[in-house]
Amino acid sequence: MKEKKIGKVIHYFSKIKVAVIEISVPVSVGDSIRIEGGENTNLKMKISSMEVDGEKIKKAKKNQKVGVKVNSKVRAGYKVFNNNK
C-alpha cells in the first residue's frame, strides 16, 4: 500500500514532546504514522493518544488540529504520512 500524506506538523512543544498536527484525512488512535522532514527526521510510530484543546479523542477529522505525543523532536512544516501496512 502506498503511503498517503495525512497532514503536517504546525507546532512542537519540546518540554512535553507533543506535536500539533493539522490533519487532512481522518486518523484514529492506533494508526501507524511516519513524520518526515529536515535532513535526518524519519520518525515511525503508532498514535497512542490524541488531544484537541486538552480533551482526549479517539478519531481526528479532516482539518482538525490535534496534539500527538512523539518520541523525538519534530519541527513545524514536517510532513505526516499514514504508515499502515
Protein backbone atom coordinates (compact mmCIF):
# COMPACT_ATOMS: atom_id res chain seq x y z
CA MET A 1 0.00 0.00 0.00
CA LYS A 2 1.36 3.40 -0.96
CA GLU A 3 1.79 5.94 1.81
CA LYS A 4 -0.62 8.85 1.81
CA LYS A 5 0.07 12.30 3.23
CA ILE A 6 -2.34 12.84 6.11
CA GLY A 7 -1.18 16.18 7.47
CA LYS A 8 1.65 18.40 8.60
CA VAL A 9 3.25 19.46 11.86
CA ILE A 10 2.31 23.06 12.70
CA HIS A 11 3.90 23.29 16.18
CA TYR A 12 6.08 21.29 18.58
CA PHE A 13 6.09 21.55 22.37
CA SER A 14 9.59 20.38 23.33
CA LYS A 15 9.07 20.14 27.13
CA ILE A 16 6.17 17.70 26.79
CA LYS A 17 7.23 16.19 23.43
CA VAL A 18 3.90 16.87 21.71
CA ALA A 19 3.49 17.71 18.03
CA VAL A 20 0.44 19.65 16.87
CA ILE A 21 -0.60 18.14 13.56
CA GLU A 22 -3.09 19.64 11.12
CA ILE A 23 -4.95 16.60 9.80
CA SER A 24 -6.01 16.45 6.13
CA VAL A 25 -7.69 12.99 6.26
CA PRO A 26 -9.29 11.23 9.27
CA VAL A 27 -6.94 9.28 11.57
CA SER A 28 -7.50 7.25 14.72
CA VAL A 29 -5.63 6.26 17.85
CA GLY A 30 -3.66 3.10 16.99
CA ASP A 31 -2.87 4.17 13.42
CA SER A 32 0.77 4.00 12.35
CA ILE A 33 2.25 7.24 11.06
CA ARG A 34 5.55 8.48 9.71
CA ILE A 35 6.83 12.02 10.20
CA GLU A 36 9.37 13.21 7.66
CA GLY A 37 11.34 16.42 7.42
CA GLY A 38 14.67 18.14 7.78
CA GLU A 39 17.82 16.24 6.93
CA ASN A 40 17.51 13.24 9.22
CA THR A 41 13.94 13.01 10.52
CA ASN A 42 12.07 9.87 9.52
CA LEU A 43 10.07 9.01 12.63
CA LYS A 44 7.79 5.95 12.52
CA MET A 45 5.32 5.47 15.37
CA LYS A 46 1.80 4.47 16.39
CA ILE A 47 -0.57 7.14 17.64
CA SER A 48 -1.01 6.25 21.31
CA SER A 49 -3.22 9.23 22.16
CA MET A 50 -4.58 12.41 20.59
CA GLU A 51 -5.95 15.56 22.17
CA VAL A 52 -7.88 18.60 20.99
CA ASP A 53 -7.96 21.55 23.40
CA GLY A 54 -6.94 19.28 26.29
CA GLU A 55 -9.65 16.69 25.61
CA LYS A 56 -8.63 13.16 24.62
CA ILE A 57 -10.15 11.96 21.34
CA LYS A 58 -10.11 8.59 19.55
CA LYS A 59 -10.53 9.88 15.98
CA ALA A 60 -9.42 13.10 14.30
CA LYS A 61 -11.44 14.63 11.48
CA LYS A 62 -10.24 16.43 8.37
CA ASN A 63 -8.88 19.95 9.06
CA GLN A 64 -8.65 19.30 12.81
CA LYS A 65 -5.53 20.33 14.73
CA VAL A 66 -4.55 17.58 17.18
CA GLY A 67 -1.80 17.12 19.73
CA VAL A 68 0.12 13.84 19.42
CA LYS A 69 2.86 12.60 21.77
CA VAL A 70 6.04 11.91 19.76
CA ASN A 71 9.30 10.10 20.55
CA SER A 72 11.71 12.67 19.16
CA LYS A 73 11.92 16.31 18.15
CA VAL A 74 9.97 17.46 15.09
CA ARG A 75 9.52 20.89 13.57
CA ALA A 76 6.72 22.90 12.01
CA GLY A 77 6.37 22.07 8.33
CA TYR A 78 7.32 18.39 8.64
CA LYS A 79 5.01 16.12 6.62
CA VAL A 80 2.95 13.35 8.22
CA PHE A 81 2.07 10.17 6.33
CA ASN A 82 -0.04 7.14 7.20
CA ASN A 83 2.20 4.13 7.59
CA ASN A 84 -0.43 1.38 7.90
CA LYS A 85 0.68 -1.73 6.09
